[in-house]
Amino acid sequence: VSDSLHPSTTSNDFECDEDLPGKFSDPNICNMFHVCITRNDRVVDQPFMCPFPS
């Protein structure tokens, strides 16, 4: 992870689709994106803040 990308602990209404891992923009927070990854047979959300400027 580069210095400009920091994992975020901000919670919101975004939820990963159980069948669709990938990268997704946040519908409510314009400078956040989500990486939905498979971990232990589950799809989990790893949110990140976009690098500055974005």
N, C-alpha and C. Protein backbone atom coordinates (compact mmCIF):
# COMPACT_ATOMS: atom_id res chain seq x y z
N VAL A 1 0.85 -1.18 0.00
CA VAL A 1 0.00 0.00 0.00
C VAL A 1 0.89 1.23 0.00
N SER A 2 0.64 2.14 -0.91
CA SER A 2 1.45 3.35 -0.98
C SER A 2 1.09 4.29 0.15
N ASP A 3 1.94 5.30 0.36
CA ASP A 3 1.67 6.28 1.41
C ASP A 3 0.40 7.07 1.16
N SER A 4 -0.03 7.18 -0.10
CA SER A 4 -1.21 7.98 -0.41
C SER A 4 -2.51 7.19 -0.28
N LEU A 5 -2.42 5.88 -0.11
CA LEU A 5 -3.62 5.07 0.07
C LEU A 5 -3.62 4.52 1.48
N HIS A 6 -4.60 4.90 2.24
CA HIS A 6 -4.67 4.48 3.63
C HIS A 6 -5.97 3.73 3.86
N PRO A 7 -5.91 2.56 4.48
CA PRO A 7 -7.16 1.89 4.83
C PRO A 7 -8.00 2.81 5.71
N SER A 8 -9.27 2.76 5.51
CA SER A 8 -10.18 3.63 6.26
C SER A 8 -10.97 2.82 7.27
N THR A 9 -11.28 3.44 8.37
CA THR A 9 -12.16 2.80 9.35
C THR A 9 -13.53 3.45 9.36
N THR A 10 -13.78 4.35 8.41
CA THR A 10 -15.07 5.02 8.32
C THR A 10 -16.14 4.02 7.93
N SER A 11 -17.23 4.02 8.64
CA SER A 11 -18.33 3.11 8.30
C SER A 11 -19.40 3.88 7.55
N ASN A 12 -20.10 3.18 6.68
CA ASN A 12 -21.22 3.77 5.95
C ASN A 12 -22.14 2.65 5.50
N ASP A 13 -22.96 2.94 4.53
CA ASP A 13 -23.97 1.98 4.10
C ASP A 13 -23.49 1.01 3.03
N PHE A 14 -22.23 1.10 2.60
CA PHE A 14 -21.74 0.21 1.55
C PHE A 14 -21.61 -1.22 2.07
N GLU A 15 -22.06 -2.18 1.27
CA GLU A 15 -21.89 -3.60 1.59
C GLU A 15 -21.44 -4.32 0.33
N CYS A 16 -20.48 -5.22 0.49
CA CYS A 16 -20.02 -6.03 -0.63
C CYS A 16 -21.09 -7.06 -0.99
N ASP A 17 -21.23 -7.31 -2.29
CA ASP A 17 -22.11 -8.37 -2.76
C ASP A 17 -21.40 -9.70 -2.52
N GLU A 18 -22.08 -10.66 -1.95
CA GLU A 18 -21.48 -11.95 -1.62
C GLU A 18 -20.88 -12.66 -2.83
N ASP A 19 -21.37 -12.38 -4.03
CA ASP A 19 -20.90 -13.08 -5.22
C ASP A 19 -20.03 -12.22 -6.13
N LEU A 20 -19.66 -11.02 -5.68
CA LEU A 20 -19.00 -10.10 -6.59
C LEU A 20 -17.81 -9.40 -5.95
N PRO A 21 -16.64 -10.08 -5.86
CA PRO A 21 -15.45 -9.37 -5.38
C PRO A 21 -14.99 -8.36 -6.43
N GLY A 22 -14.26 -7.34 -6.02
CA GLY A 22 -13.74 -6.34 -6.95
C GLY A 22 -13.57 -4.99 -6.28
N LYS A 23 -13.33 -3.96 -7.10
CA LYS A 23 -13.15 -2.59 -6.62
C LYS A 23 -14.39 -1.78 -6.98
N PHE A 24 -14.87 -0.98 -6.00
CA PHE A 24 -16.11 -0.23 -6.20
C PHE A 24 -16.00 1.15 -5.58
N SER A 25 -16.56 2.14 -6.27
CA SER A 25 -16.61 3.48 -5.68
C SER A 25 -17.71 3.51 -4.63
N ASP A 26 -17.55 4.39 -3.67
CA ASP A 26 -18.55 4.52 -2.62
C ASP A 26 -19.67 5.41 -3.12
N PRO A 27 -20.93 4.99 -3.01
CA PRO A 27 -22.03 5.80 -3.52
C PRO A 27 -22.31 7.06 -2.69
N ASN A 28 -21.81 7.12 -1.46
CA ASN A 28 -22.10 8.25 -0.58
C ASN A 28 -20.90 9.13 -0.27
N ILE A 29 -19.70 8.59 -0.37
CA ILE A 29 -18.49 9.34 -0.02
C ILE A 29 -17.58 9.36 -1.24
N CYS A 30 -17.47 10.51 -1.90
CA CYS A 30 -16.81 10.58 -3.21
C CYS A 30 -15.32 10.29 -3.16
N ASN A 31 -14.66 10.44 -2.02
CA ASN A 31 -13.22 10.18 -1.98
C ASN A 31 -12.90 8.85 -1.30
N MET A 32 -13.81 7.90 -1.39
CA MET A 32 -13.59 6.58 -0.80
C MET A 32 -13.91 5.51 -1.84
N PHE A 33 -13.16 4.41 -1.79
CA PHE A 33 -13.50 3.26 -2.61
C PHE A 33 -13.38 2.01 -1.75
N HIS A 34 -13.96 0.93 -2.25
CA HIS A 34 -14.01 -0.32 -1.50
C HIS A 34 -13.41 -1.43 -2.34
N VAL A 35 -12.60 -2.26 -1.72
CA VAL A 35 -12.08 -3.46 -2.36
C VAL A 35 -12.76 -4.63 -1.65
N CYS A 36 -13.61 -5.31 -2.39
CA CYS A 36 -14.31 -6.47 -1.85
C CYS A 36 -13.48 -7.70 -2.20
N ILE A 37 -13.01 -8.40 -1.17
CA ILE A 37 -12.12 -9.54 -1.37
C ILE A 37 -12.72 -10.78 -0.70
N THR A 38 -12.31 -11.93 -1.21
CA THR A 38 -12.74 -13.19 -0.61
C THR A 38 -11.75 -13.58 0.47
N ARG A 39 -12.28 -13.80 1.67
CA ARG A 39 -11.46 -14.20 2.81
C ARG A 39 -12.24 -15.26 3.59
N ASN A 40 -11.64 -16.43 3.75
CA ASN A 40 -12.30 -17.53 4.48
C ASN A 40 -13.69 -17.82 3.93
N ASP A 41 -13.79 -17.93 2.60
CA ASP A 41 -15.05 -18.25 1.91
C ASP A 41 -16.13 -17.19 2.07
N ARG A 42 -15.75 -15.96 2.43
CA ARG A 42 -16.69 -14.84 2.53
C ARG A 42 -16.13 -13.66 1.76
N VAL A 43 -16.99 -12.84 1.21
CA VAL A 43 -16.56 -11.59 0.57
C VAL A 43 -16.63 -10.50 1.63
N VAL A 44 -15.49 -9.84 1.89
CA VAL A 44 -15.43 -8.80 2.91
C VAL A 44 -14.99 -7.48 2.29
N ASP A 45 -15.38 -6.39 2.92
CA ASP A 45 -15.09 -5.04 2.46
C ASP A 45 -13.81 -4.52 3.09
N GLN A 46 -12.91 -3.99 2.25
CA GLN A 46 -11.71 -3.30 2.73
C GLN A 46 -11.79 -1.88 2.15
N PRO A 47 -12.30 -0.90 2.93
CA PRO A 47 -12.45 0.46 2.41
C PRO A 47 -11.13 1.22 2.42
N PHE A 48 -10.96 2.11 1.45
CA PHE A 48 -9.77 2.96 1.33
C PHE A 48 -10.20 4.38 0.97
N MET A 49 -9.44 5.34 1.44
CA MET A 49 -9.62 6.72 1.01
C MET A 49 -8.84 6.91 -0.28
N CYS A 50 -9.38 7.68 -1.22
CA CYS A 50 -8.68 7.95 -2.47
C CYS A 50 -7.45 8.81 -2.20
N PRO A 51 -6.40 8.62 -3.01
CA PRO A 51 -5.21 9.45 -2.83
C PRO A 51 -5.53 10.91 -3.14
N PHE A 52 -4.77 11.81 -2.56
CA PHE A 52 -4.97 13.24 -2.78
C PHE A 52 -4.02 13.69 -3.87
N PRO A 53 -4.40 14.46 -4.82
CA PRO A 53 -5.78 14.82 -5.18
C PRO A 53 -6.39 13.70 -6.00
N SER A 54 -7.70 13.61 -5.94
CA SER A 54 -8.38 12.56 -6.71
C SER A 54 -9.48 13.14 -7.55
